[in-house]
Every structure is written in C-alpha cells, then in structure tokens.
Amino acid sequence: MGVLGWVIMGLALWHFTIWLPDRFWGGIVGALLGALLGSVVIGTLIYSVKVGALDTPGKKATDIAVVLYSVPGALIGMAAFYLEGIRRGVVAE
C-alpha cells in the first residue's frame, strides 16, 4: 500500500513539470519515469532505515508521513533526468 502512495505522490509532483522547459532526457515521459523511479526507490530507502529492514509498508503501516517519504525521491529523480537531458543537449521546443 505504501508503494501505491509513493507512486501517486511521484505522479502528482510530475504534473508540475509543465512549467519547466522540456529538456528532460526522454522528454515528458523521461520526467515521469524519473519521478516514479525516484519516489519508489527513495521512499523504500527511507522507510527501510526507519524500520531497520528492507521492507515496504503494508496497509496498516501506511500513513501521510510514509507517503511523504517519496517527495525527495521524486524531486531527485526528475532533477537527474533533467540534468542528463541538459548534458545530452536536449533542446526545448
């Protein structure tokens, strides 16, 4: 259940990329992949550090704080795809 929350949070943050120049590696789909991958990976890492084992939260362990664990990951993922797009010379049209 926590992974669903992380994916939805990454998707929600991805919607804000409409205000950025489209210089993401892979275009807007690359931004989506960066947001989703980053939110799930970082969300899992933060939750695993909290509980002390590599695990994902179930239905009873998922709350708003657990869902917010994915925010830094989504931002880092989108930033990574954006910087890679700049490095590869993607031009916004």
PDB file of N, CA and C in Angstrom:
ATOM      1  N   MET A   1       0.814  -1.184   0.000  1.00  0.00           N
ATOM      2  CA  MET A   1       0.000   0.000   0.000  1.00  0.00           C
ATOM      3  C   MET A   1       0.868   1.263   0.000  1.00  0.00           C
ATOM      4  N   GLY A   2       2.011   1.171   0.669  1.00  0.00           N
ATOM      5  CA  GLY A   2       2.914   2.314   0.696  1.00  0.00           C
ATOM      6  C   GLY A   2       3.480   2.618  -0.681  1.00  0.00           C
ATOM      7  N   VAL A   3       3.758   1.569  -1.453  1.00  0.00           N
ATOM      8  CA  VAL A   3       4.307   1.771  -2.796  1.00  0.00           C
ATOM      9  C   VAL A   3       3.286   2.500  -3.668  1.00  0.00           C
ATOM     10  N   LEU A   4       2.023   2.174  -3.504  1.00  0.00           N
ATOM     11  CA  LEU A   4       0.980   2.889  -4.248  1.00  0.00           C
ATOM     12  C   LEU A   4       0.984   4.373  -3.884  1.00  0.00           C
ATOM     13  N   GLY A   5       1.116   4.681  -2.609  1.00  0.00           N
ATOM     14  CA  GLY A   5       1.195   6.072  -2.178  1.00  0.00           C
ATOM     15  C   GLY A   5       2.405   6.779  -2.742  1.00  0.00           C
ATOM     16  N   TRP A   6       3.548   6.079  -2.790  1.00  0.00           N
ATOM     17  CA  TRP A   6       4.758   6.681  -3.345  1.00  0.00           C
ATOM     18  C   TRP A   6       4.599   6.962  -4.834  1.00  0.00           C
ATOM     19  N   VAL A   7       4.002   6.022  -5.555  1.00  0.00           N
ATOM     20  CA  VAL A   7       3.798   6.212  -6.998  1.00  0.00           C
ATOM     21  C   VAL A   7       2.840   7.374  -7.255  1.00  0.00           C
ATOM     22  N   ILE A   8       1.764   7.450  -6.498  1.00  0.00           N
ATOM     23  CA  ILE A   8       0.806   8.534  -6.681  1.00  0.00           C
ATOM     24  C   ILE A   8       1.446   9.884  -6.346  1.00  0.00           C
ATOM     25  N   MET A   9       2.276   9.936  -5.316  1.00  0.00           N
ATOM     26  CA  MET A   9       2.953  11.193  -4.974  1.00  0.00           C
ATOM     27  C   MET A   9       3.932  11.590  -6.070  1.00  0.00           C
ATOM     28  N   GLY A  10       4.669  10.632  -6.610  1.00  0.00           N
ATOM     29  CA  GLY A  10       5.567  10.928  -7.729  1.00  0.00           C
ATOM     30  C   GLY A  10       4.808  11.426  -8.944  1.00  0.00           C
ATOM     31  N   LEU A  11       3.664  10.823  -9.220  1.00  0.00           N
ATOM     32  CA  LEU A  11       2.834  11.257 -10.329  1.00  0.00           C
ATOM     33  C   LEU A  11       2.300  12.669 -10.098  1.00  0.00           C
ATOM     34  N   ALA A  12       1.907  12.964  -8.876  1.00  0.00           N
ATOM     35  CA  ALA A  12       1.401  14.303  -8.560  1.00  0.00           C
ATOM     36  C   ALA A  12       2.485  15.361  -8.742  1.00  0.00           C
ATOM     37  N   LEU A  13       3.695  15.072  -8.293  1.00  0.00           N
ATOM     38  CA  LEU A  13       4.780  16.043  -8.446  1.00  0.00           C
ATOM     39  C   LEU A  13       5.204  16.185  -9.903  1.00  0.00           C
ATOM     40  N   TRP A  14       5.070  15.110 -10.667  1.00  0.00           N
ATOM     41  CA  TRP A  14       5.421  15.149 -12.087  1.00  0.00           C
ATOM     42  C   TRP A  14       4.570  16.167 -12.836  1.00  0.00           C
ATOM     43  N   HIS A  15       3.338  16.370 -12.408  1.00  0.00           N
ATOM     44  CA  HIS A  15       2.459  17.308 -13.087  1.00  0.00           C
ATOM     45  C   HIS A  15       3.007  18.741 -13.071  1.00  0.00           C
ATOM     46  N   PHE A  16       3.855  19.060 -12.119  1.00  0.00           N
ATOM     47  CA  PHE A  16       4.410  20.412 -12.036  1.00  0.00           C
ATOM     48  C   PHE A  16       5.506  20.662 -13.074  1.00  0.00           C
ATOM     49  N   THR A  17       5.928  19.638 -13.788  1.00  0.00           N
ATOM     50  CA  THR A  17       6.971  19.832 -14.804  1.00  0.00           C
ATOM     51  C   THR A  17       6.445  20.576 -16.016  1.00  0.00           C
ATOM     52  N   ILE A  18       5.154  20.822 -16.077  1.00  0.00           N
ATOM     53  CA  ILE A  18       4.603  21.574 -17.198  1.00  0.00           C
ATOM     54  C   ILE A  18       5.164  22.993 -17.232  1.00  0.00           C
ATOM     55  N   TRP A  19       5.605  23.514 -16.089  1.00  0.00           N
ATOM     56  CA  TRP A  19       6.131  24.872 -16.030  1.00  0.00           C
ATOM     57  C   TRP A  19       7.638  24.939 -16.307  1.00  0.00           C
ATOM     58  N   LEU A  20       8.255  23.816 -16.575  1.00  0.00           N
ATOM     59  CA  LEU A  20       9.684  23.790 -16.874  1.00  0.00           C
ATOM     60  C   LEU A  20       9.909  23.611 -18.374  1.00  0.00           C
ATOM     61  N   PRO A  21      11.023  24.100 -18.885  1.00  0.00           N
ATOM     62  CA  PRO A  21      11.342  23.811 -20.288  1.00  0.00           C
ATOM     63  C   PRO A  21      11.524  22.304 -20.463  1.00  0.00           C
ATOM     64  N   ASP A  22      11.082  21.803 -21.583  1.00  0.00           N
ATOM     65  CA  ASP A  22      11.134  20.356 -21.817  1.00  0.00           C
ATOM     66  C   ASP A  22      12.535  19.943 -22.245  1.00  0.00           C
ATOM     67  N   ARG A  23      13.433  19.906 -21.268  1.00  0.00           N
ATOM     68  CA  ARG A  23      14.810  19.495 -21.531  1.00  0.00           C
ATOM     69  C   ARG A  23      15.132  18.191 -20.833  1.00  0.00           C
ATOM     70  N   PHE A  24      14.105  17.467 -20.422  1.00  0.00           N
ATOM     71  CA  PHE A  24      14.307  16.186 -19.757  1.00  0.00           C
ATOM     72  C   PHE A  24      14.822  15.161 -20.753  1.00  0.00           C
ATOM     73  N   TRP A  25      15.690  14.279 -20.271  1.00  0.00           N
ATOM     74  CA  TRP A  25      16.153  13.165 -21.082  1.00  0.00           C
ATOM     75  C   TRP A  25      14.963  12.248 -21.289  1.00  0.00           C
ATOM     76  N   GLY A  26      14.516  12.084 -22.504  1.00  0.00           N
ATOM     77  CA  GLY A  26      13.337  11.294 -22.807  1.00  0.00           C
ATOM     78  C   GLY A  26      12.064  12.126 -22.841  1.00  0.00           C
ATOM     79  N   GLY A  27      12.199  13.433 -22.771  1.00  0.00           N
ATOM     80  CA  GLY A  27      11.031  14.303 -22.829  1.00  0.00           C
ATOM     81  C   GLY A  27      10.179  14.207 -21.578  1.00  0.00           C
ATOM     82  N   ILE A  28       8.898  14.410 -21.754  1.00  0.00           N
ATOM     83  CA  ILE A  28       7.983  14.394 -20.618  1.00  0.00           C
ATOM     84  C   ILE A  28       7.843  12.991 -20.045  1.00  0.00           C
ATOM     85  N   VAL A  29       8.014  11.977 -20.893  1.00  0.00           N
ATOM     86  CA  VAL A  29       7.978  10.593 -20.402  1.00  0.00           C
ATOM     87  C   VAL A  29       9.202  10.312 -19.538  1.00  0.00           C
ATOM     88  N   GLY A  30      10.344  10.876 -19.892  1.00  0.00           N
ATOM     89  CA  GLY A  30      11.526  10.753 -19.061  1.00  0.00           C
ATOM     90  C   GLY A  30      11.328  11.388 -17.697  1.00  0.00           C
ATOM     91  N   ALA A  31      10.651  12.537 -17.677  1.00  0.00           N
ATOM     92  CA  ALA A  31      10.347  13.185 -16.402  1.00  0.00           C
ATOM     93  C   ALA A  31       9.437  12.305 -15.562  1.00  0.00           C
ATOM     94  N   LEU A  32       8.467  11.667 -16.198  1.00  0.00           N
ATOM     95  CA  LEU A  32       7.570  10.753 -15.489  1.00  0.00           C
ATOM     96  C   LEU A  32       8.341   9.571 -14.908  1.00  0.00           C
ATOM     97  N   LEU A  33       9.204   8.973 -15.705  1.00  0.00           N
ATOM     98  CA  LEU A  33       9.996   7.838 -15.215  1.00  0.00           C
ATOM     99  C   LEU A  33      10.919   8.253 -14.075  1.00  0.00           C
ATOM    100  N   GLY A  34      11.523   9.426 -14.185  1.00  0.00           N
ATOM    101  CA  GLY A  34      12.382   9.919 -13.111  1.00  0.00           C
ATOM    102  C   GLY A  34      11.613  10.122 -11.819  1.00  0.00           C
ATOM    103  N   ALA A  35      10.419  10.689 -11.927  1.00  0.00           N
ATOM    104  CA  ALA A  35       9.595  10.924 -10.736  1.00  0.00           C
ATOM    105  C   ALA A  35       9.163   9.610 -10.100  1.00  0.00           C
ATOM    106  N   LEU A  36       8.725   8.661 -10.912  1.00  0.00           N
ATOM    107  CA  LEU A  36       8.239   7.394 -10.364  1.00  0.00           C
ATOM    108  C   LEU A  36       9.369   6.551  -9.780  1.00  0.00           C
ATOM    109  N   LEU A  37      10.464   6.429 -10.527  1.00  0.00           N
ATOM    110  CA  LEU A  37      11.595   5.638 -10.020  1.00  0.00           C
ATOM    111  C   LEU A  37      12.189   6.255  -8.760  1.00  0.00           C
ATOM    112  N   GLY A  38      12.380   7.556  -8.789  1.00  0.00           N
ATOM    113  CA  GLY A  38      12.951   8.225  -7.628  1.00  0.00           C
ATOM    114  C   GLY A  38      12.068   8.122  -6.403  1.00  0.00           C
ATOM    115  N   SER A  39      10.761   8.287  -6.581  1.00  0.00           N
ATOM    116  CA  SER A  39       9.865   8.239  -5.428  1.00  0.00           C
ATOM    117  C   SER A  39       9.817   6.850  -4.809  1.00  0.00           C
ATOM    118  N   VAL A  40       9.810   5.820  -5.622  1.00  0.00           N
ATOM    119  CA  VAL A  40       9.758   4.459  -5.070  1.00  0.00           C
ATOM    120  C   VAL A  40      11.091   4.069  -4.431  1.00  0.00           C
ATOM    121  N   VAL A  41      12.191   4.377  -5.090  1.00  0.00           N
ATOM    122  CA  VAL A  41      13.500   3.984  -4.552  1.00  0.00           C
ATOM    123  C   VAL A  41      13.799   4.721  -3.245  1.00  0.00           C
ATOM    124  N   ILE A  42      13.665   6.024  -3.239  1.00  0.00           N
ATOM    125  CA  ILE A  42      13.972   6.795  -2.032  1.00  0.00           C
ATOM    126  C   ILE A  42      12.945   6.530  -0.940  1.00  0.00           C
ATOM    127  N   GLY A  43      11.684   6.365  -1.312  1.00  0.00           N
ATOM    128  CA  GLY A  43      10.669   6.018  -0.321  1.00  0.00           C
ATOM    129  C   GLY A  43      10.983   4.698   0.363  1.00  0.00           C
ATOM    130  N   THR A  44      11.410   3.724  -0.412  1.00  0.00           N
ATOM    131  CA  THR A  44      11.789   2.423   0.158  1.00  0.00           C
ATOM    132  C   THR A  44      13.002   2.565   1.071  1.00  0.00           C
ATOM    133  N   LEU A  45      13.995   3.334   0.635  1.00  0.00           N
ATOM    134  CA  LEU A  45      15.193   3.509   1.458  1.00  0.00           C
ATOM    135  C   LEU A  45      14.880   4.199   2.783  1.00  0.00           C
ATOM    136  N   ILE A  46      14.098   5.272   2.735  1.00  0.00           N
ATOM    137  CA  ILE A  46      13.778   5.991   3.967  1.00  0.00           C
ATOM    138  C   ILE A  46      12.962   5.110   4.904  1.00  0.00           C
ATOM    139  N   TYR A  47      11.978   4.400   4.360  1.00  0.00           N
ATOM    140  CA  TYR A  47      11.168   3.521   5.202  1.00  0.00           C
ATOM    141  C   TYR A  47      12.011   2.375   5.775  1.00  0.00           C
ATOM    142  N   SER A  48      12.927   1.854   4.979  1.00  0.00           N
ATOM    143  CA  SER A  48      13.779   0.768   5.453  1.00  0.00           C
ATOM    144  C   SER A  48      14.700   1.213   6.580  1.00  0.00           C
ATOM    145  N   VAL A  49      15.203   2.429   6.492  1.00  0.00           N
ATOM    146  CA  VAL A  49      16.030   2.958   7.576  1.00  0.00           C
ATOM    147  C   VAL A  49      15.188   3.117   8.841  1.00  0.00           C
ATOM    148  N   LYS A  50      13.943   3.549   8.676  1.00  0.00           N
ATOM    149  CA  LYS A  50      13.067   3.743   9.821  1.00  0.00           C
ATOM    150  C   LYS A  50      12.762   2.436  10.551  1.00  0.00           C
ATOM    151  N   VAL A  51      12.440   1.377   9.797  1.00  0.00           N
ATOM    152  CA  VAL A  51      12.060   0.104  10.433  1.00  0.00           C
ATOM    153  C   VAL A  51      13.244  -0.826  10.643  1.00  0.00           C
ATOM    154  N   GLY A  52      14.377  -0.546  10.032  1.00  0.00           N
ATOM    155  CA  GLY A  52      15.572  -1.347  10.244  1.00  0.00           C
ATOM    156  C   GLY A  52      15.682  -2.578   9.361  1.00  0.00           C
ATOM    157  N   ALA A  53      14.845  -2.698   8.349  1.00  0.00           N
ATOM    158  CA  ALA A  53      14.922  -3.819   7.422  1.00  0.00           C
ATOM    159  C   ALA A  53      14.422  -3.363   6.060  1.00  0.00           C
ATOM    160  N   LEU A  54      14.926  -3.978   4.999  1.00  0.00           N
ATOM    161  CA  LEU A  54      14.481  -3.633   3.651  1.00  0.00           C
ATOM    162  C   LEU A  54      13.066  -4.159   3.468  1.00  0.00           C
ATOM    163  N   ASP A  55      12.106  -3.252   3.540  1.00  0.00           N
ATOM    164  CA  ASP A  55      10.700  -3.640   3.526  1.00  0.00           C
ATOM    165  C   ASP A  55       9.877  -2.490   2.972  1.00  0.00           C
ATOM    166  N   THR A  56       8.668  -2.792   2.552  1.00  0.00           N
ATOM    167  CA  THR A  56       7.720  -1.757   2.142  1.00  0.00           C
ATOM    168  C   THR A  56       6.540  -1.792   3.096  1.00  0.00           C
ATOM    169  N   PRO A  57       5.926  -0.645   3.354  1.00  0.00           N
ATOM    170  CA  PRO A  57       4.828  -0.611   4.318  1.00  0.00           C
ATOM    171  C   PRO A  57       3.563  -1.256   3.770  1.00  0.00           C
ATOM    172  N   GLY A  58       2.887  -1.967   4.628  1.00  0.00           N
ATOM    173  CA  GLY A  58       1.606  -2.559   4.278  1.00  0.00           C
ATOM    174  C   GLY A  58       0.482  -1.582   4.518  1.00  0.00           C
ATOM    175  N   LYS A  59      -0.733  -2.101   4.483  1.00  0.00           N
ATOM    176  CA  LYS A  59      -1.911  -1.245   4.608  1.00  0.00           C
ATOM    177  C   LYS A  59      -1.971  -0.539   5.961  1.00  0.00           C
ATOM    178  N   LYS A  60      -1.663  -1.245   7.026  1.00  0.00           N
ATOM    179  CA  LYS A  60      -1.761  -0.654   8.367  1.00  0.00           C
ATOM    180  C   LYS A  60      -0.599   0.279   8.688  1.00  0.00           C
ATOM    181  N   ALA A  61       0.518   0.106   8.016  1.00  0.00           N
ATOM    182  CA  ALA A  61       1.693   0.934   8.299  1.00  0.00           C
ATOM    183  C   ALA A  61       1.752   2.192   7.429  1.00  0.00           C
ATOM    184  N   THR A  62       0.827   2.334   6.489  1.00  0.00           N
ATOM    185  CA  THR A  62       0.855   3.474   5.580  1.00  0.00           C
ATOM    186  C   THR A  62       0.055   4.640   6.160  1.00  0.00           C
ATOM    187  N   ASP A  63       0.729   5.762   6.310  1.00  0.00           N
ATOM    188  CA  ASP A  63       0.070   6.994   6.738  1.00  0.00           C
ATOM    189  C   ASP A  63       0.653   8.148   5.916  1.00  0.00           C
ATOM    190  N   ILE A  64       0.247   9.360   6.221  1.00  0.00           N
ATOM    191  CA  ILE A  64       0.677  10.511   5.422  1.00  0.00           C
ATOM    192  C   ILE A  64       2.187  10.709   5.489  1.00  0.00           C
ATOM    193  N   ALA A  65       2.789  10.419   6.624  1.00  0.00           N
ATOM    194  CA  ALA A  65       4.240  10.570   6.745  1.00  0.00           C
ATOM    195  C   ALA A  65       4.970   9.596   5.821  1.00  0.00           C
ATOM    196  N   VAL A  66       4.479   8.376   5.734  1.00  0.00           N
ATOM    197  CA  VAL A  66       5.108   7.376   4.865  1.00  0.00           C
ATOM    198  C   VAL A  66       4.977   7.795   3.403  1.00  0.00           C
ATOM    199  N   VAL A  67       3.847   8.345   3.036  1.00  0.00           N
ATOM    200  CA  VAL A  67       3.661   8.796   1.655  1.00  0.00           C
ATOM    201  C   VAL A  67       4.586   9.968   1.342  1.00  0.00           C
ATOM    202  N   LEU A  68       4.821  10.834   2.317  1.00  0.00           N
ATOM    203  CA  LEU A  68       5.703  11.984   2.095  1.00  0.00           C
ATOM    204  C   LEU A  68       7.174  11.600   1.977  1.00  0.00           C
ATOM    205  N   TYR A  69       7.528  10.361   2.329  1.00  0.00           N
ATOM    206  CA  TYR A  69       8.908   9.904   2.150  1.00  0.00           C
ATOM    207  C   TYR A  69       9.316   9.957   0.681  1.00  0.00           C
ATOM    208  N   SER A  70       8.368   9.919  -0.221  1.00  0.00           N
ATOM    209  CA  SER A  70       8.690   9.858  -1.646  1.00  0.00           C
ATOM    210  C   SER A  70       8.963  11.225  -2.272  1.00  0.00           C
ATOM    211  N   VAL A  71       8.654  12.301  -1.585  1.00  0.00           N
ATOM    212  CA  VAL A  71       8.818  13.637  -2.176  1.00  0.00           C
ATOM    213  C   VAL A  71      10.272  13.919  -2.555  1.00  0.00           C
ATOM    214  N   PRO A  72      11.250  13.719  -1.655  1.00  0.00           N
ATOM    215  CA  PRO A  72      12.630  13.995  -2.083  1.00  0.00           C
ATOM    216  C   PRO A  72      13.079  13.098  -3.234  1.00  0.00           C
ATOM    217  N   GLY A  73      12.619  11.862  -3.232  1.00  0.00           N
ATOM    218  CA  GLY A  73      12.993  10.944  -4.302  1.00  0.00           C
ATOM    219  C   GLY A  73      12.460  11.370  -5.652  1.00  0.00           C
ATOM    220  N   ALA A  74      11.215  11.817  -5.679  1.00  0.00           N
ATOM    221  CA  ALA A  74      10.635  12.278  -6.942  1.00  0.00           C
ATOM    222  C   ALA A  74      11.382  13.496  -7.464  1.00  0.00           C
ATOM    223  N   LEU A  75      11.724  14.409  -6.577  1.00  0.00           N
ATOM    224  CA  LEU A  75      12.457  15.606  -6.995  1.00  0.00           C
ATOM    225  C   LEU A  75      13.863  15.255  -7.470  1.00  0.00           C
ATOM    226  N   ILE A  76      14.514  14.348  -6.769  1.00  0.00           N
ATOM    227  CA  ILE A  76      15.862  13.921  -7.171  1.00  0.00           C
ATOM    228  C   ILE A  76      15.809  13.198  -8.513  1.00  0.00           C
ATOM    229  N   GLY A  77      14.826  12.334  -8.693  1.00  0.00           N
ATOM    230  CA  GLY A  77      14.688  11.593  -9.951  1.00  0.00           C
ATOM    231  C   GLY A  77      14.444  12.512 -11.136  1.00  0.00           C
ATOM    232  N   MET A  78      13.541  13.481 -10.957  1.00  0.00           N
ATOM    233  CA  MET A  78      13.277  14.419 -12.056  1.00  0.00           C
ATOM    234  C   MET A  78      14.496  15.294 -12.323  1.00  0.00           C
ATOM    235  N   ALA A  79      15.193  15.698 -11.273  1.00  0.00           N
ATOM    236  CA  ALA A  79      16.400  16.512 -11.459  1.00  0.00           C
ATOM    237  C   ALA A  79      17.474  15.733 -12.205  1.00  0.00           C
ATOM    238  N   ALA A  80      17.602  14.451 -11.901  1.00  0.00           N
ATOM    239  CA  ALA A  80      18.599  13.624 -12.584  1.00  0.00           C
ATOM    240  C   ALA A  80      18.289  13.517 -14.075  1.00  0.00           C
ATOM    241  N   PHE A  81      17.032  13.298 -14.427  1.00  0.00           N
ATOM    242  CA  PHE A  81      16.658  13.209 -15.835  1.00  0.00           C
ATOM    243  C   PHE A  81      16.793  14.572 -16.524  1.00  0.00           C
ATOM    244  N   TYR A  82      16.516  15.655 -15.811  1.00  0.00           N
ATOM    245  CA  TYR A  82      16.668  16.990 -16.375  1.00  0.00           C
ATOM    246  C   TYR A  82      18.147  17.299 -16.644  1.00  0.00           C
ATOM    247  N   LEU A  83      18.993  17.011 -15.668  1.00  0.00           N
ATOM    248  CA  LEU A  83      20.430  17.268 -15.847  1.00  0.00           C
ATOM    249  C   LEU A  83      21.023  16.390 -16.939  1.00  0.00           C
ATOM    250  N   GLU A  84      20.551  15.154 -17.040  1.00  0.00           N
ATOM    251  CA  GLU A  84      21.025  14.283 -18.121  1.00  0.00           C
ATOM    252  C   GLU A  84      20.573  14.811 -19.478  1.00  0.00           C
ATOM    253  N   GLY A  85      19.375  15.361 -19.535  1.00  0.00           N
ATOM    254  CA  GLY A  85      18.904  15.969 -20.776  1.00  0.00           C
ATOM    255  C   GLY A  85      19.733  17.173 -21.170  1.00  0.00           C
ATOM    256  N   ILE A  86      20.100  17.984 -20.199  1.00  0.00           N
ATOM    257  CA  ILE A  86      20.965  19.134 -20.480  1.00  0.00           C
ATOM    258  C   ILE A  86      22.333  18.660 -20.953  1.00  0.00           C
ATOM    259  N   ARG A  87      22.865  17.627 -20.287  1.00  0.00           N
ATOM    260  CA  ARG A  87      24.174  17.099 -20.667  1.00  0.00           C
ATOM    261  C   ARG A  87      24.163  16.544 -22.091  1.00  0.00           C
ATOM    262  N   ARG A  88      23.069  15.923 -22.485  1.00  0.00           N
ATOM    263  CA  ARG A  88      22.968  15.357 -23.846  1.00  0.00           C
ATOM    264  C   ARG A  88      22.556  16.386 -24.882  1.00  0.00           C
ATOM    265  N   GLY A  89      22.271  17.593 -24.450  1.00  0.00           N
ATOM    266  CA  GLY A  89      21.965  18.659 -25.398  1.00  0.00           C
ATOM    267  C   GLY A  89      20.529  18.651 -25.897  1.00  0.00           C
ATOM    268  N   VAL A  90      19.597  18.181 -25.087  1.00  0.00           N
ATOM    269  CA  VAL A  90      18.183  18.214 -25.479  1.00  0.00           C
ATOM    270  C   VAL A  90      17.747  19.666 -25.532  1.00  0.00           C
ATOM    271  N   VAL A  91      17.111  20.051 -26.623  1.00  0.00           N
ATOM    272  CA  VAL A  91      16.683  21.428 -26.820  1.00  0.00           C
ATOM    273  C   VAL A  91      15.177  21.515 -26.632  1.00  0.00           C
ATOM    274  N   ALA A  92      14.751  22.477 -25.811  1.00  0.00           N
ATOM    275  CA  ALA A  92      13.313  22.691 -25.602  1.00  0.00           C
ATOM    276  C   ALA A  92      12.726  23.328 -26.842  1.00  0.00           C
ATOM    277  N   GLU A  93      11.589  22.826 -27.269  1.00  0.00           N
ATOM    278  CA  GLU A  93      10.941  23.372 -28.476  1.00  0.00           C
ATOM    279  C   GLU A  93       9.707  24.124 -28.110  1.00  0.00           C
TER     280      GLU A  93
END
